[in-house]
Amino acid sequence: MRIFVGIDLPEQWRVALAAGAEAIRQAEPGWETEKWVLPENLHVTLKFMGDVPDESVEFLGPDLVRALEGVPRFTMPLHRALLPSPDSRKVSMLWTTLKDPEGAAAG
């Protein structure tokens, strides 16, 4: 099974990013036929783990919870979208960046 560790996005981000995606599709017809992620599936990928044996998957959740014990919560506001050229068919994602003024993500 292909596994990644990700963070769900707040609803306000999903709404903003979905609106941005719609604006892109309307402004650049070449993007209309691309496969778009549904707003409820938008997330921040922290770690792509690749193929993990099915029998190991059940242990990942509890192991991750233990690994994150004691890690303080912090917020990172949505910063800006980085949009590739619609002529670039090598691109498989549209990116957005986050602000981290206190450097909380580095710790």
PDB file of N, CA and C in Angstrom:
ATOM      1  N   MET A   1       0.845  -1.169   0.000  1.00  0.00           N
ATOM      2  CA  MET A   1       0.000   0.000   0.000  1.00  0.00           C
ATOM      3  C   MET A   1       0.894   1.237   0.000  1.00  0.00           C
ATOM      4  N   ARG A   2       0.530   2.233  -0.822  1.00  0.00           N
ATOM      5  CA  ARG A   2       1.291   3.490  -0.862  1.00  0.00           C
ATOM      6  C   ARG A   2       0.798   4.376   0.281  1.00  0.00           C
ATOM      7  N   ILE A   3       1.724   4.814   1.120  1.00  0.00           N
ATOM      8  CA  ILE A   3       1.374   5.514   2.358  1.00  0.00           C
ATOM      9  C   ILE A   3       2.070   6.878   2.413  1.00  0.00           C
ATOM     10  N   PHE A   4       1.385   7.844   3.000  1.00  0.00           N
ATOM     11  CA  PHE A   4       1.998   9.128   3.322  1.00  0.00           C
ATOM     12  C   PHE A   4       1.426   9.606   4.642  1.00  0.00           C
ATOM     13  N   VAL A   5       2.162  10.501   5.294  1.00  0.00           N
ATOM     14  CA  VAL A   5       1.685  11.151   6.511  1.00  0.00           C
ATOM     15  C   VAL A   5       1.299  12.562   6.104  1.00  0.00           C
ATOM     16  N   GLY A   6       0.061  12.945   6.411  1.00  0.00           N
ATOM     17  CA  GLY A   6      -0.417  14.254   6.014  1.00  0.00           C
ATOM     18  C   GLY A   6      -1.257  14.902   7.089  1.00  0.00           C
ATOM     19  N   ILE A   7      -1.512  16.171   6.885  1.00  0.00           N
ATOM     20  CA  ILE A   7      -2.332  16.959   7.797  1.00  0.00           C
ATOM     21  C   ILE A   7      -3.548  17.452   7.022  1.00  0.00           C
ATOM     22  N   ASP A   8      -4.739  17.225   7.585  1.00  0.00           N
ATOM     23  CA  ASP A   8      -5.943  17.784   6.986  1.00  0.00           C
ATOM     24  C   ASP A   8      -5.875  19.307   7.052  1.00  0.00           C
ATOM     25  N   LEU A   9      -6.507  19.949   6.095  1.00  0.00           N
ATOM     26  CA  LEU A   9      -6.528  21.404   6.064  1.00  0.00           C
ATOM     27  C   LEU A   9      -7.790  21.939   6.724  1.00  0.00           C
ATOM     28  N   PRO A  10      -7.696  23.125   7.323  1.00  0.00           N
ATOM     29  CA  PRO A  10      -8.910  23.761   7.849  1.00  0.00           C
ATOM     30  C   PRO A  10      -9.892  24.036   6.709  1.00  0.00           C
ATOM     31  N   GLU A  11     -11.158  24.041   7.030  1.00  0.00           N
ATOM     32  CA  GLU A  11     -12.197  24.256   6.014  1.00  0.00           C
ATOM     33  C   GLU A  11     -11.985  25.562   5.254  1.00  0.00           C
ATOM     34  N   GLN A  12     -11.570  26.615   5.936  1.00  0.00           N
ATOM     35  CA  GLN A  12     -11.382  27.905   5.257  1.00  0.00           C
ATOM     36  C   GLN A  12     -10.287  27.815   4.195  1.00  0.00           C
ATOM     37  N   TRP A  13      -9.266  26.991   4.408  1.00  0.00           N
ATOM     38  CA  TRP A  13      -8.224  26.801   3.396  1.00  0.00           C
ATOM     39  C   TRP A  13      -8.782  26.028   2.219  1.00  0.00           C
ATOM     40  N   ARG A  14      -9.561  24.997   2.523  1.00  0.00           N
ATOM     41  CA  ARG A  14     -10.139  24.182   1.437  1.00  0.00           C
ATOM     42  C   ARG A  14     -11.004  25.051   0.533  1.00  0.00           C
ATOM     43  N   VAL A  15     -11.808  25.905   1.140  1.00  0.00           N
ATOM     44  CA  VAL A  15     -12.676  26.800   0.377  1.00  0.00           C
ATOM     45  C   VAL A  15     -11.825  27.744  -0.472  1.00  0.00           C
ATOM     46  N   ALA A  16     -10.803  28.348   0.129  1.00  0.00           N
ATOM     47  CA  ALA A  16      -9.945  29.288  -0.601  1.00  0.00           C
ATOM     48  C   ALA A  16      -9.198  28.597  -1.743  1.00  0.00           C
ATOM     49  N   LEU A  17      -8.659  27.405  -1.484  1.00  0.00           N
ATOM     50  CA  LEU A  17      -7.910  26.699  -2.522  1.00  0.00           C
ATOM     51  C   LEU A  17      -8.837  26.198  -3.629  1.00  0.00           C
ATOM     52  N   ALA A  18     -10.033  25.757  -3.278  1.00  0.00           N
ATOM     53  CA  ALA A  18     -10.999  25.332  -4.293  1.00  0.00           C
ATOM     54  C   ALA A  18     -11.397  26.514  -5.172  1.00  0.00           C
ATOM     55  N   ALA A  19     -11.577  27.688  -4.578  1.00  0.00           N
ATOM     56  CA  ALA A  19     -11.908  28.883  -5.348  1.00  0.00           C
ATOM     57  C   ALA A  19     -10.749  29.252  -6.274  1.00  0.00           C
ATOM     58  N   GLY A  20      -9.529  29.113  -5.768  1.00  0.00           N
ATOM     59  CA  GLY A  20      -8.359  29.382  -6.600  1.00  0.00           C
ATOM     60  C   GLY A  20      -8.266  28.420  -7.769  1.00  0.00           C
ATOM     61  N   ALA A  21      -8.536  27.151  -7.519  1.00  0.00           N
ATOM     62  CA  ALA A  21      -8.499  26.152  -8.588  1.00  0.00           C
ATOM     63  C   ALA A  21      -9.553  26.470  -9.651  1.00  0.00           C
ATOM     64  N   GLU A  22     -10.726  26.873  -9.211  1.00  0.00           N
ATOM     65  CA  GLU A  22     -11.780  27.227 -10.163  1.00  0.00           C
ATOM     66  C   GLU A  22     -11.368  28.432 -10.996  1.00  0.00           C
ATOM     67  N   ALA A  23     -10.746  29.416 -10.372  1.00  0.00           N
ATOM     68  CA  ALA A  23     -10.281  30.602 -11.105  1.00  0.00           C
ATOM     69  C   ALA A  23      -9.225  30.207 -12.146  1.00  0.00           C
ATOM     70  N   ILE A  24      -8.352  29.278 -11.800  1.00  0.00           N
ATOM     71  CA  ILE A  24      -7.333  28.813 -12.745  1.00  0.00           C
ATOM     72  C   ILE A  24      -7.998  28.131 -13.934  1.00  0.00           C
ATOM     73  N   ARG A  25      -8.960  27.257 -13.663  1.00  0.00           N
ATOM     74  CA  ARG A  25      -9.643  26.542 -14.748  1.00  0.00           C
ATOM     75  C   ARG A  25     -10.357  27.513 -15.693  1.00  0.00           C
ATOM     76  N   GLN A  26     -10.932  28.562 -15.138  1.00  0.00           N
ATOM     77  CA  GLN A  26     -11.638  29.531 -15.974  1.00  0.00           C
ATOM     78  C   GLN A  26     -10.671  30.420 -16.757  1.00  0.00           C
ATOM     79  N   ALA A  27      -9.547  30.771 -16.139  1.00  0.00           N
ATOM     80  CA  ALA A  27      -8.588  31.663 -16.795  1.00  0.00           C
ATOM     81  C   ALA A  27      -7.738  30.954 -17.847  1.00  0.00           C
ATOM     82  N   GLU A  28      -7.462  29.688 -17.639  1.00  0.00           N
ATOM     83  CA  GLU A  28      -6.600  28.918 -18.540  1.00  0.00           C
ATOM     84  C   GLU A  28      -7.315  27.639 -18.953  1.00  0.00           C
ATOM     85  N   PRO A  29      -7.991  27.638 -20.079  1.00  0.00           N
ATOM     86  CA  PRO A  29      -8.771  26.466 -20.498  1.00  0.00           C
ATOM     87  C   PRO A  29      -7.964  25.169 -20.555  1.00  0.00           C
ATOM     88  N   GLY A  30      -6.659  25.247 -20.726  1.00  0.00           N
ATOM     89  CA  GLY A  30      -5.827  24.048 -20.752  1.00  0.00           C
ATOM     90  C   GLY A  30      -5.860  23.260 -19.456  1.00  0.00           C
ATOM     91  N   TRP A  31      -6.207  23.922 -18.353  1.00  0.00           N
ATOM     92  CA  TRP A  31      -6.272  23.248 -17.053  1.00  0.00           C
ATOM     93  C   TRP A  31      -7.616  22.562 -16.823  1.00  0.00           C
ATOM     94  N   GLU A  32      -8.619  22.875 -17.647  1.00  0.00           N
ATOM     95  CA  GLU A  32      -9.966  22.334 -17.442  1.00  0.00           C
ATOM     96  C   GLU A  32     -10.001  20.812 -17.499  1.00  0.00           C
ATOM     97  N   THR A  33      -9.187  20.217 -18.355  1.00  0.00           N
ATOM     98  CA  THR A  33      -9.228  18.756 -18.527  1.00  0.00           C
ATOM     99  C   THR A  33      -8.328  18.003 -17.553  1.00  0.00           C
ATOM    100  N   GLU A  34      -7.584  18.722 -16.730  1.00  0.00           N
ATOM    101  CA  GLU A  34      -6.706  18.064 -15.757  1.00  0.00           C
ATOM    102  C   GLU A  34      -7.528  17.443 -14.636  1.00  0.00           C
ATOM    103  N   LYS A  35      -6.959  16.441 -14.001  1.00  0.00           N
ATOM    104  CA  LYS A  35      -7.614  15.813 -12.855  1.00  0.00           C
ATOM    105  C   LYS A  35      -7.385  16.701 -11.625  1.00  0.00           C
ATOM    106  N   TRP A  36      -8.449  17.117 -10.967  1.00  0.00           N
ATOM    107  CA  TRP A  36      -8.366  18.003  -9.815  1.00  0.00           C
ATOM    108  C   TRP A  36      -8.765  17.245  -8.558  1.00  0.00           C
ATOM    109  N   VAL A  37      -8.046  17.483  -7.484  1.00  0.00           N
ATOM    110  CA  VAL A  37      -8.350  16.864  -6.193  1.00  0.00           C
ATOM    111  C   VAL A  37      -9.590  17.533  -5.621  1.00  0.00           C
ATOM    112  N   LEU A  38     -10.493  16.731  -5.102  1.00  0.00           N
ATOM    113  CA  LEU A  38     -11.683  17.278  -4.449  1.00  0.00           C
ATOM    114  C   LEU A  38     -11.262  18.064  -3.208  1.00  0.00           C
ATOM    115  N   PRO A  39     -11.944  19.159  -2.897  1.00  0.00           N
ATOM    116  CA  PRO A  39     -11.567  19.961  -1.730  1.00  0.00           C
ATOM    117  C   PRO A  39     -11.437  19.152  -0.441  1.00  0.00           C
ATOM    118  N   GLU A  40     -12.304  18.153  -0.236  1.00  0.00           N
ATOM    119  CA  GLU A  40     -12.224  17.368   1.001  1.00  0.00           C
ATOM    120  C   GLU A  40     -10.980  16.481   1.058  1.00  0.00           C
ATOM    121  N   ASN A  41     -10.273  16.324  -0.048  1.00  0.00           N
ATOM    122  CA  ASN A  41      -9.049  15.514  -0.068  1.00  0.00           C
ATOM    123  C   ASN A  41      -7.773  16.348  -0.047  1.00  0.00           C
ATOM    124  N   LEU A  42      -7.900  17.661  -0.008  1.00  0.00           N
ATOM    125  CA  LEU A  42      -6.709  18.515   0.046  1.00  0.00           C
ATOM    126  C   LEU A  42      -6.019  18.335   1.395  1.00  0.00           C
ATOM    127  N   HIS A  43      -4.693  18.341   1.389  1.00  0.00           N
ATOM    128  CA  HIS A  43      -3.925  18.102   2.608  1.00  0.00           C
ATOM    129  C   HIS A  43      -2.508  18.627   2.430  1.00  0.00           C
ATOM    130  N   VAL A  44      -1.768  18.646   3.518  1.00  0.00           N
ATOM    131  CA  VAL A  44      -0.331  18.933   3.489  1.00  0.00           C
ATOM    132  C   VAL A  44       0.378  17.605   3.709  1.00  0.00           C
ATOM    133  N   THR A  45       1.190  17.199   2.745  1.00  0.00           N
ATOM    134  CA  THR A  45       1.958  15.966   2.899  1.00  0.00           C
ATOM    135  C   THR A  45       3.216  16.271   3.696  1.00  0.00           C
ATOM    136  N   LEU A  46       3.380  15.583   4.814  1.00  0.00           N
ATOM    137  CA  LEU A  46       4.575  15.747   5.641  1.00  0.00           C
ATOM    138  C   LEU A  46       5.670  14.771   5.236  1.00  0.00           C
ATOM    139  N   LYS A  47       5.276  13.543   4.929  1.00  0.00           N
ATOM    140  CA  LYS A  47       6.253  12.508   4.591  1.00  0.00           C
ATOM    141  C   LYS A  47       5.597  11.487   3.685  1.00  0.00           C
ATOM    142  N   PHE A  48       6.178  11.284   2.518  1.00  0.00           N
ATOM    143  CA  PHE A  48       5.723  10.216   1.644  1.00  0.00           C
ATOM    144  C   PHE A  48       6.546   8.987   1.980  1.00  0.00           C
ATOM    145  N   MET A  49       5.885   7.913   2.357  1.00  0.00           N
ATOM    146  CA  MET A  49       6.586   6.713   2.809  1.00  0.00           C
ATOM    147  C   MET A  49       6.693   5.663   1.712  1.00  0.00           C
ATOM    148  N   GLY A  50       5.956   5.828   0.634  1.00  0.00           N
ATOM    149  CA  GLY A  50       6.033   4.885  -0.466  1.00  0.00           C
ATOM    150  C   GLY A  50       5.257   3.616  -0.191  1.00  0.00           C
ATOM    151  N   ASP A  51       5.712   2.530  -0.795  1.00  0.00           N
ATOM    152  CA  ASP A  51       5.038   1.241  -0.634  1.00  0.00           C
ATOM    153  C   ASP A  51       5.383   0.632   0.719  1.00  0.00           C
ATOM    154  N   VAL A  52       4.356   0.337   1.495  1.00  0.00           N
ATOM    155  CA  VAL A  52       4.500  -0.262   2.815  1.00  0.00           C
ATOM    156  C   VAL A  52       3.713  -1.572   2.800  1.00  0.00           C
ATOM    157  N   PRO A  53       4.304  -2.656   3.283  1.00  0.00           N
ATOM    158  CA  PRO A  53       3.561  -3.922   3.308  1.00  0.00           C
ATOM    159  C   PRO A  53       2.237  -3.764   4.073  1.00  0.00           C
ATOM    160  N   ASP A  54       1.187  -4.370   3.543  1.00  0.00           N
ATOM    161  CA  ASP A  54      -0.144  -4.247   4.156  1.00  0.00           C
ATOM    162  C   ASP A  54      -0.134  -4.613   5.638  1.00  0.00           C
ATOM    163  N   GLU A  55       0.633  -5.615   6.010  1.00  0.00           N
ATOM    164  CA  GLU A  55       0.644  -6.061   7.407  1.00  0.00           C
ATOM    165  C   GLU A  55       1.306  -5.045   8.339  1.00  0.00           C
ATOM    166  N   SER A  56       2.033  -4.085   7.800  1.00  0.00           N
ATOM    167  CA  SER A  56       2.689  -3.058   8.625  1.00  0.00           C
ATOM    168  C   SER A  56       1.829  -1.827   8.819  1.00  0.00           C
ATOM    169  N   VAL A  57       0.834  -1.638   7.965  1.00  0.00           N
ATOM    170  CA  VAL A  57       0.041  -0.408   7.978  1.00  0.00           C
ATOM    171  C   VAL A  57      -0.663  -0.206   9.315  1.00  0.00           C
ATOM    172  N   GLU A  58      -1.202  -1.261   9.918  1.00  0.00           N
ATOM    173  CA  GLU A  58      -1.953  -1.115  11.168  1.00  0.00           C
ATOM    174  C   GLU A  58      -1.102  -0.566  12.309  1.00  0.00           C
ATOM    175  N   PHE A  59       0.220  -0.704  12.238  1.00  0.00           N
ATOM    176  CA  PHE A  59       1.101  -0.229  13.303  1.00  0.00           C
ATOM    177  C   PHE A  59       1.509   1.225  13.117  1.00  0.00           C
ATOM    178  N   LEU A  60       1.352   1.760  11.921  1.00  0.00           N
ATOM    179  CA  LEU A  60       1.825   3.111  11.635  1.00  0.00           C
ATOM    180  C   LEU A  60       1.113   4.171  12.467  1.00  0.00           C
ATOM    181  N   GLY A  61      -0.213   4.082  12.596  1.00  0.00           N
ATOM    182  CA  GLY A  61      -0.960   5.076  13.367  1.00  0.00           C
ATOM    183  C   GLY A  61      -0.499   5.174  14.808  1.00  0.00           C
ATOM    184  N   PRO A  62      -0.507   4.056  15.552  1.00  0.00           N
ATOM    185  CA  PRO A  62      -0.049   4.108  16.938  1.00  0.00           C
ATOM    186  C   PRO A  62       1.426   4.532  17.055  1.00  0.00           C
ATOM    187  N   ASP A  63       2.259   4.090  16.137  1.00  0.00           N
ATOM    188  CA  ASP A  63       3.670   4.488  16.173  1.00  0.00           C
ATOM    189  C   ASP A  63       3.818   5.992  15.958  1.00  0.00           C
ATOM    190  N   LEU A  64       3.036   6.538  15.054  1.00  0.00           N
ATOM    191  CA  LEU A  64       3.087   7.973  14.797  1.00  0.00           C
ATOM    192  C   LEU A  64       2.596   8.769  16.000  1.00  0.00           C
ATOM    193  N   VAL A  65       1.534   8.304  16.620  1.00  0.00           N
ATOM    194  CA  VAL A  65       1.015   8.980  17.824  1.00  0.00           C
ATOM    195  C   VAL A  65       2.096   9.020  18.908  1.00  0.00           C
ATOM    196  N   ARG A  66       2.766   7.893  19.128  1.00  0.00           N
ATOM    197  CA  ARG A  66       3.842   7.847  20.136  1.00  0.00           C
ATOM    198  C   ARG A  66       4.991   8.780  19.761  1.00  0.00           C
ATOM    199  N   ALA A  67       5.338   8.815  18.490  1.00  0.00           N
ATOM    200  CA  ALA A  67       6.449   9.659  18.042  1.00  0.00           C
ATOM    201  C   ALA A  67       6.139  11.147  18.221  1.00  0.00           C
ATOM    202  N   LEU A  68       4.869  11.507  18.176  1.00  0.00           N
ATOM    203  CA  LEU A  68       4.491  12.919  18.264  1.00  0.00           C
ATOM    204  C   LEU A  68       4.115  13.368  19.674  1.00  0.00           C
ATOM    205  N   GLU A  69       4.140  12.446  20.635  1.00  0.00           N
ATOM    206  CA  GLU A  69       3.833  12.835  22.013  1.00  0.00           C
ATOM    207  C   GLU A  69       4.806  13.920  22.458  1.00  0.00           C
ATOM    208  N   GLY A  70       4.246  14.973  23.037  1.00  0.00           N
ATOM    209  CA  GLY A  70       5.080  16.052  23.547  1.00  0.00           C
ATOM    210  C   GLY A  70       5.461  17.102  22.516  1.00  0.00           C
ATOM    211  N   VAL A  71       5.136  16.896  21.258  1.00  0.00           N
ATOM    212  CA  VAL A  71       5.425  17.905  20.237  1.00  0.00           C
ATOM    213  C   VAL A  71       4.344  18.973  20.322  1.00  0.00           C
ATOM    214  N   PRO A  72       4.732  20.233  20.559  1.00  0.00           N
ATOM    215  CA  PRO A  72       3.717  21.275  20.716  1.00  0.00           C
ATOM    216  C   PRO A  72       3.010  21.585  19.397  1.00  0.00           C
ATOM    217  N   ARG A  73       1.744  21.961  19.507  1.00  0.00           N
ATOM    218  CA  ARG A  73       0.980  22.402  18.345  1.00  0.00           C
ATOM    219  C   ARG A  73       1.377  23.815  17.980  1.00  0.00           C
ATOM    220  N   PHE A  74       1.271  24.130  16.707  1.00  0.00           N
ATOM    221  CA  PHE A  74       1.512  25.493  16.244  1.00  0.00           C
ATOM    222  C   PHE A  74       0.689  25.710  14.980  1.00  0.00           C
ATOM    223  N   THR A  75       0.524  26.960  14.602  1.00  0.00           N
ATOM    224  CA  THR A  75      -0.243  27.277  13.402  1.00  0.00           C
ATOM    225  C   THR A  75       0.677  27.876  12.347  1.00  0.00           C
ATOM    226  N   MET A  76       0.288  27.675  11.117  1.00  0.00           N
ATOM    227  CA  MET A  76       1.008  28.249   9.982  1.00  0.00           C
ATOM    228  C   MET A  76      -0.031  28.781   9.004  1.00  0.00           C
ATOM    229  N   PRO A  77      -0.130  30.098   8.863  1.00  0.00           N
ATOM    230  CA  PRO A  77      -1.121  30.662   7.937  1.00  0.00           C
ATOM    231  C   PRO A  77      -0.789  30.347   6.479  1.00  0.00           C
ATOM    232  N   LEU A  78      -1.833  30.230   5.667  1.00  0.00           N
ATOM    233  CA  LEU A  78      -1.676  30.074   4.232  1.00  0.00           C
ATOM    234  C   LEU A  78      -1.008  31.328   3.696  1.00  0.00           C
ATOM    235  N   HIS A  79      -0.005  31.178   2.856  1.00  0.00           N
ATOM    236  CA  HIS A  79       0.761  32.314   2.370  1.00  0.00           C
ATOM    237  C   HIS A  79       0.376  32.668   0.944  1.00  0.00           C
ATOM    238  N   ARG A  80       0.760  31.829  -0.006  1.00  0.00           N
ATOM    239  CA  ARG A  80       0.461  32.124  -1.403  1.00  0.00           C
ATOM    240  C   ARG A  80       0.483  30.841  -2.219  1.00  0.00           C
ATOM    241  N   ALA A  81      -0.151  30.919  -3.357  1.00  0.00           N
ATOM    242  CA  ALA A  81      -0.135  29.781  -4.276  1.00  0.00           C
ATOM    243  C   ALA A  81       0.988  29.977  -5.286  1.00  0.00           C
ATOM    244  N   LEU A  82       1.649  28.919  -5.629  1.00  0.00           N
ATOM    245  CA  LEU A  82       2.661  28.924  -6.676  1.00  0.00           C
ATOM    246  C   LEU A  82       2.079  28.137  -7.834  1.00  0.00           C
ATOM    247  N   LEU A  83       1.824  28.803  -8.916  1.00  0.00           N
ATOM    248  CA  LEU A  83       1.098  28.185 -10.010  1.00  0.00           C
ATOM    249  C   LEU A  83       2.021  27.920 -11.190  1.00  0.00           C
ATOM    250  N   PRO A  84       2.077  26.706 -11.673  1.00  0.00           N
ATOM    251  CA  PRO A  84       2.903  26.405 -12.841  1.00  0.00           C
ATOM    252  C   PRO A  84       2.228  26.880 -14.123  1.00  0.00           C
ATOM    253  N   SER A  85       2.988  26.979 -15.163  1.00  0.00           N
ATOM    254  CA  SER A  85       2.450  27.320 -16.465  1.00  0.00           C
ATOM    255  C   SER A  85       1.559  26.189 -16.964  1.00  0.00           C
ATOM    256  N   PRO A  86       0.384  26.498 -17.506  1.00  0.00           N
ATOM    257  CA  PRO A  86      -0.481  25.427 -18.006  1.00  0.00           C
ATOM    258  C   PRO A  86       0.123  24.704 -19.206  1.00  0.00           C
ATOM    259  N   ASP A  87       1.168  25.253 -19.800  1.00  0.00           N
ATOM    260  CA  ASP A  87       1.825  24.584 -20.921  1.00  0.00           C
ATOM    261  C   ASP A  87       2.751  23.480 -20.445  1.00  0.00           C
ATOM    262  N   SER A  88       3.074  23.471 -19.172  1.00  0.00           N
ATOM    263  CA  SER A  88       4.005  22.483 -18.628  1.00  0.00           C
ATOM    264  C   SER A  88       3.251  21.220 -18.234  1.00  0.00           C
ATOM    265  N   ARG A  89       3.257  20.221 -19.062  1.00  0.00           N
ATOM    266  CA  ARG A  89       2.533  18.991 -18.786  1.00  0.00           C
ATOM    267  C   ARG A  89       3.323  18.060 -17.871  1.00  0.00           C
ATOM    268  N   LYS A  90       4.500  18.447 -17.440  1.00  0.00           N
ATOM    269  CA  LYS A  90       5.259  17.643 -16.487  1.00  0.00           C
ATOM    270  C   LYS A  90       4.790  17.901 -15.065  1.00  0.00           C
ATOM    271  N   VAL A  91       4.043  18.972 -14.862  1.00  0.00           N
ATOM    272  CA  VAL A  91       3.578  19.353 -13.530  1.00  0.00           C
ATOM    273  C   VAL A  91       2.393  18.489 -13.139  1.00  0.00           C
ATOM    274  N   SER A  92       2.442  17.927 -11.928  1.00  0.00           N
ATOM    275  CA  SER A  92       1.307  17.128 -11.470  1.00  0.00           C
ATOM    276  C   SER A  92       0.625  17.748 -10.258  1.00  0.00           C
ATOM    277  N   MET A  93       1.118  18.892  -9.791  1.00  0.00           N
ATOM    278  CA  MET A  93       0.522  19.534  -8.623  1.00  0.00           C
ATOM    279  C   MET A  93       0.577  21.040  -8.760  1.00  0.00           C
ATOM    280  N   LEU A  94      -0.347  21.679  -8.099  1.00  0.00           N
ATOM    281  CA  LEU A  94      -0.265  23.114  -7.863  1.00  0.00           C
ATOM    282  C   LEU A  94       0.141  23.263  -6.414  1.00  0.00           C
ATOM    283  N   TRP A  95       1.021  24.180  -6.152  1.00  0.00           N
ATOM    284  CA  TRP A  95       1.584  24.306  -4.811  1.00  0.00           C
ATOM    285  C   TRP A  95       1.075  25.554  -4.122  1.00  0.00           C
ATOM    286  N   THR A  96       1.042  25.497  -2.824  1.00  0.00           N
ATOM    287  CA  THR A  96       0.813  26.676  -2.012  1.00  0.00           C
ATOM    288  C   THR A  96       1.880  26.682  -0.923  1.00  0.00           C
ATOM    289  N   THR A  97       2.186  27.828  -0.401  1.00  0.00           N
ATOM    290  CA  THR A  97       3.186  27.911   0.664  1.00  0.00           C
ATOM    291  C   THR A  97       2.518  28.395   1.945  1.00  0.00           C
ATOM    292  N   LEU A  98       3.177  28.132   3.045  1.00  0.00           N
ATOM    293  CA  LEU A  98       2.684  28.504   4.373  1.00  0.00           C
ATOM    294  C   LEU A  98       3.663  29.477   4.997  1.00  0.00           C
ATOM    295  N   LYS A  99       3.181  30.316   5.871  1.00  0.00           N
ATOM    296  CA  LYS A  99       4.048  31.211   6.640  1.00  0.00           C
ATOM    297  C   LYS A  99       4.430  30.514   7.938  1.00  0.00           C
ATOM    298  N   ASP A 100       5.667  30.707   8.356  1.00  0.00           N
ATOM    299  CA  ASP A 100       6.135  30.163   9.624  1.00  0.00           C
ATOM    300  C   ASP A 100       7.052  31.214  10.269  1.00  0.00           C
ATOM    301  N   PRO A 101       6.468  32.367  10.665  1.00  0.00           N
ATOM    302  CA  PRO A 101       7.290  33.467  11.150  1.00  0.00           C
ATOM    303  C   PRO A 101       8.105  33.162  12.406  1.00  0.00           C
ATOM    304  N   GLU A 102       7.638  32.243  13.241  1.00  0.00           N
ATOM    305  CA  GLU A 102       8.379  31.904  14.466  1.00  0.00           C
ATOM    306  C   GLU A 102       9.305  30.723  14.265  1.00  0.00           C
ATOM    307  N   GLY A 103       9.320  30.116  13.087  1.00  0.00           N
ATOM    308  CA  GLY A 103      10.170  28.957  12.844  1.00  0.00           C
ATOM    309  C   GLY A 103       9.736  27.718  13.577  1.00  0.00           C
ATOM    310  N   ALA A 104       8.454  27.609  13.908  1.00  0.00           N
ATOM    311  CA  ALA A 104       7.947  26.492  14.693  1.00  0.00           C
ATOM    312  C   ALA A 104       8.085  25.160  13.960  1.00  0.00           C
ATOM    313  N   ALA A 105       8.004  25.171  12.638  1.00  0.00           N
ATOM    314  CA  ALA A 105       8.078  23.914  11.883  1.00  0.00           C
ATOM    315  C   ALA A 105       9.500  23.355  11.834  1.00  0.00           C
ATOM    316  N   ALA A 106      10.483  24.178  12.106  1.00  0.00           N
ATOM    317  CA  ALA A 106      11.871  23.747  12.034  1.00  0.00           C
ATOM    318  C   ALA A 106      12.288  22.912  13.251  1.00  0.00           C
ATOM    319  N   GLY A 107      11.531  23.010  14.336  1.00  0.00           N
ATOM    320  CA  GLY A 107      11.902  22.356  15.571  1.00  0.00           C
ATOM    321  C   GLY A 107      11.541  20.962  15.691  1.00  0.00           C
TER     322      GLY A 107
END
